[in-house]
Amino acid sequence: MIKNENSDKEAKALAQHLTCMSVLKARRVIDQICGRS
């Protein structure tokens, strides 16, 4: 496999973005549960 620095940076950025989105979704769910109860 040929390793490309540019694609590697994009992969890391995408991983960070997905992690951030999942954290935001988790916070929303927790807020909804706390608000209902």
PDB file of N, CA and C in Angstrom:
ATOM      1  N   MET A   1       0.844  -1.215   0.000  1.00  0.00           N
ATOM      2  CA  MET A   1       0.000   0.000   0.000  1.00  0.00           C
ATOM      3  C   MET A   1       0.871   1.254   0.000  1.00  0.00           C
ATOM      4  N   ILE A   2       0.456   2.228  -0.781  1.00  0.00           N
ATOM      5  CA  ILE A   2       1.174   3.500  -0.816  1.00  0.00           C
ATOM      6  C   ILE A   2       0.521   4.435   0.193  1.00  0.00           C
ATOM      7  N   LYS A   3       1.302   4.903   1.165  1.00  0.00           N
ATOM      8  CA  LYS A   3       0.739   5.770   2.200  1.00  0.00           C
ATOM      9  C   LYS A   3       0.808   7.223   1.750  1.00  0.00           C
ATOM     10  N   ASN A   4      -0.319   7.893   1.788  1.00  0.00           N
ATOM     11  CA  ASN A   4      -0.385   9.292   1.372  1.00  0.00           C
ATOM     12  C   ASN A   4      -0.624  10.155   2.602  1.00  0.00           C
ATOM     13  N   GLU A   5       0.257  11.115   2.846  1.00  0.00           N
ATOM     14  CA  GLU A   5       0.112  11.959   4.040  1.00  0.00           C
ATOM     15  C   GLU A   5      -1.201  12.725   4.015  1.00  0.00           C
ATOM     16  N   ASN A   6      -1.582  13.211   2.831  1.00  0.00           N
ATOM     17  CA  ASN A   6      -2.804  14.010   2.720  1.00  0.00           C
ATOM     18  C   ASN A   6      -4.025  13.183   3.110  1.00  0.00           C
ATOM     19  N   SER A   7      -4.138  11.972   2.584  1.00  0.00           N
ATOM     20  CA  SER A   7      -5.289  11.123   2.901  1.00  0.00           C
ATOM     21  C   SER A   7      -5.258  10.732   4.379  1.00  0.00           C
ATOM     22  N   ASP A   8      -4.056  10.591   4.939  1.00  0.00           N
ATOM     23  CA  ASP A   8      -3.934  10.235   6.352  1.00  0.00           C
ATOM     24  C   ASP A   8      -4.466  11.372   7.214  1.00  0.00           C
ATOM     25  N   LYS A   9      -4.140  12.600   6.839  1.00  0.00           N
ATOM     26  CA  LYS A   9      -4.639  13.760   7.588  1.00  0.00           C
ATOM     27  C   LYS A   9      -6.155  13.835   7.484  1.00  0.00           C
ATOM     28  N   GLU A  10      -6.677  13.567   6.291  1.00  0.00           N
ATOM     29  CA  GLU A  10      -8.131  13.613   6.092  1.00  0.00           C
ATOM     30  C   GLU A  10      -8.808  12.548   6.940  1.00  0.00           C
ATOM     31  N   ALA A  11      -8.205  11.379   7.012  1.00  0.00           N
ATOM     32  CA  ALA A  11      -8.783  10.291   7.800  1.00  0.00           C
ATOM     33  C   ALA A  11      -8.836  10.675   9.272  1.00  0.00           C
ATOM     34  N   LYS A  12      -7.764  11.302   9.765  1.00  0.00           N
ATOM     35  CA  LYS A  12      -7.738  11.717  11.171  1.00  0.00           C
ATOM     36  C   LYS A  12      -8.789  12.785  11.423  1.00  0.00           C
ATOM     37  N   ALA A  13      -8.911  13.733  10.489  1.00  0.00           N
ATOM     38  CA  ALA A  13      -9.890  14.812  10.643  1.00  0.00           C
ATOM     39  C   ALA A  13     -11.297  14.236  10.648  1.00  0.00           C
ATOM     40  N   LEU A  14     -11.549  13.257   9.773  1.00  0.00           N
ATOM     41  CA  LEU A  14     -12.870  12.635   9.697  1.00  0.00           C
ATOM     42  C   LEU A  14     -13.175  11.893  10.996  1.00  0.00           C
ATOM     43  N   ALA A  15     -12.185  11.193  11.524  1.00  0.00           N
ATOM     44  CA  ALA A  15     -12.378  10.460  12.779  1.00  0.00           C
ATOM     45  C   ALA A  15     -12.708  11.427  13.911  1.00  0.00           C
ATOM     46  N   GLN A  16     -11.996  12.549  13.962  1.00  0.00           N
ATOM     47  CA  GLN A  16     -12.257  13.540  15.012  1.00  0.00           C
ATOM     48  C   GLN A  16     -13.659  14.106  14.851  1.00  0.00           C
ATOM     49  N   HIS A  17     -14.080  14.352  13.599  1.00  0.00           N
ATOM     50  CA  HIS A  17     -15.412  14.911  13.340  1.00  0.00           C
ATOM     51  C   HIS A  17     -16.494  13.936  13.795  1.00  0.00           C
ATOM     52  N   LEU A  18     -16.327  12.656  13.456  1.00  0.00           N
ATOM     53  CA  LEU A  18     -17.318  11.649  13.843  1.00  0.00           C
ATOM     54  C   LEU A  18     -17.387  11.528  15.361  1.00  0.00           C
ATOM     55  N   THR A  19     -16.230  11.585  16.017  1.00  0.00           N
ATOM     56  CA  THR A  19     -16.207  11.498  17.481  1.00  0.00           C
ATOM     57  C   THR A  19     -16.950  12.678  18.085  1.00  0.00           C
ATOM     58  N   CYS A  20     -16.709  13.867  17.520  1.00  0.00           N
ATOM     59  CA  CYS A  20     -17.367  15.079  18.029  1.00  0.00           C
ATOM     60  C   CYS A  20     -18.874  14.964  17.852  1.00  0.00           C
ATOM     61  N   MET A  21     -19.324  14.491  16.686  1.00  0.00           N
ATOM     62  CA  MET A  21     -20.753  14.362  16.416  1.00  0.00           C
ATOM     63  C   MET A  21     -21.386  13.367  17.380  1.00  0.00           C
ATOM     64  N   SER A  22     -20.718  12.243  17.628  1.00  0.00           N
ATOM     65  CA  SER A  22     -21.275  11.224  18.526  1.00  0.00           C
ATOM     66  C   SER A  22     -21.388  11.775  19.941  1.00  0.00           C
ATOM     67  N   VAL A  23     -20.419  12.599  20.355  1.00  0.00           N
ATOM     68  CA  VAL A  23     -20.457  13.192  21.695  1.00  0.00           C
ATOM     69  C   VAL A  23     -21.632  14.157  21.796  1.00  0.00           C
ATOM     70  N   LEU A  24     -21.836  14.961  20.754  1.00  0.00           N
ATOM     71  CA  LEU A  24     -22.946  15.919  20.769  1.00  0.00           C
ATOM     72  C   LEU A  24     -24.278  15.179  20.824  1.00  0.00           C
ATOM     73  N   LYS A  25     -24.397  14.093  20.056  1.00  0.00           N
ATOM     74  CA  LYS A  25     -25.643  13.315  20.055  1.00  0.00           C
ATOM     75  C   LYS A  25     -25.882  12.717  21.437  1.00  0.00           C
ATOM     76  N   ALA A  26     -24.819  12.202  22.058  1.00  0.00           N
ATOM     77  CA  ALA A  26     -24.945  11.603  23.390  1.00  0.00           C
ATOM     78  C   ALA A  26     -25.418  12.654  24.386  1.00  0.00           C
ATOM     79  N   ARG A  27     -24.863  13.861  24.302  1.00  0.00           N
ATOM     80  CA  ARG A  27     -25.265  14.930  25.224  1.00  0.00           C
ATOM     81  C   ARG A  27     -26.734  15.273  25.021  1.00  0.00           C
ATOM     82  N   ARG A  28     -27.188  15.310  23.770  1.00  0.00           N
ATOM     83  CA  ARG A  28     -28.597  15.627  23.490  1.00  0.00           C
ATOM     84  C   ARG A  28     -29.501  14.571  24.095  1.00  0.00           C
ATOM     85  N   VAL A  29     -29.127  13.306  23.934  1.00  0.00           N
ATOM     86  CA  VAL A  29     -29.933  12.205  24.472  1.00  0.00           C
ATOM     87  C   VAL A  29     -29.994  12.299  25.991  1.00  0.00           C
ATOM     88  N   ILE A  30     -28.850  12.568  26.611  1.00  0.00           N
ATOM     89  CA  ILE A  30     -28.808  12.684  28.078  1.00  0.00           C
ATOM     90  C   ILE A  30     -29.683  13.844  28.531  1.00  0.00           C
ATOM     91  N   ASP A  31     -29.610  14.972  27.808  1.00  0.00           N
ATOM     92  CA  ASP A  31     -30.429  16.135  28.164  1.00  0.00           C
ATOM     93  C   ASP A  31     -31.912  15.788  28.062  1.00  0.00           C
ATOM     94  N   GLN A  32     -32.292  15.029  27.025  1.00  0.00           N
ATOM     95  CA  GLN A  32     -33.695  14.655  26.844  1.00  0.00           C
ATOM     96  C   GLN A  32     -34.151  13.752  27.984  1.00  0.00           C
ATOM     97  N   ILE A  33     -33.325  12.787  28.355  1.00  0.00           N
ATOM     98  CA  ILE A  33     -33.680  11.858  29.431  1.00  0.00           C
ATOM     99  C   ILE A  33     -33.823  12.619  30.748  1.00  0.00           C
ATOM    100  N   CYS A  34     -32.875  13.508  31.031  1.00  0.00           N
ATOM    101  CA  CYS A  34     -32.928  14.285  32.281  1.00  0.00           C
ATOM    102  C   CYS A  34     -34.142  15.208  32.271  1.00  0.00           C
ATOM    103  N   GLY A  35     -34.468  15.751  31.114  1.00  0.00           N
ATOM    104  CA  GLY A  35     -35.603  16.668  31.015  1.00  0.00           C
ATOM    105  C   GLY A  35     -36.927  15.938  31.212  1.00  0.00           C
ATOM    106  N   ARG A  36     -37.035  14.705  30.691  1.00  0.00           N
ATOM    107  CA  ARG A  36     -38.281  13.947  30.813  1.00  0.00           C
ATOM    108  C   ARG A  36     -38.495  13.484  32.241  1.00  0.00           C
ATOM    109  N   SER A  37     -37.405  13.034  32.882  1.00  0.00           N
ATOM    110  CA  SER A  37     -37.509  12.517  34.249  1.00  0.00           C
ATOM    111  C   SER A  37     -37.336  13.663  35.238  1.00  0.00           C
TER     112      SER A  37
END
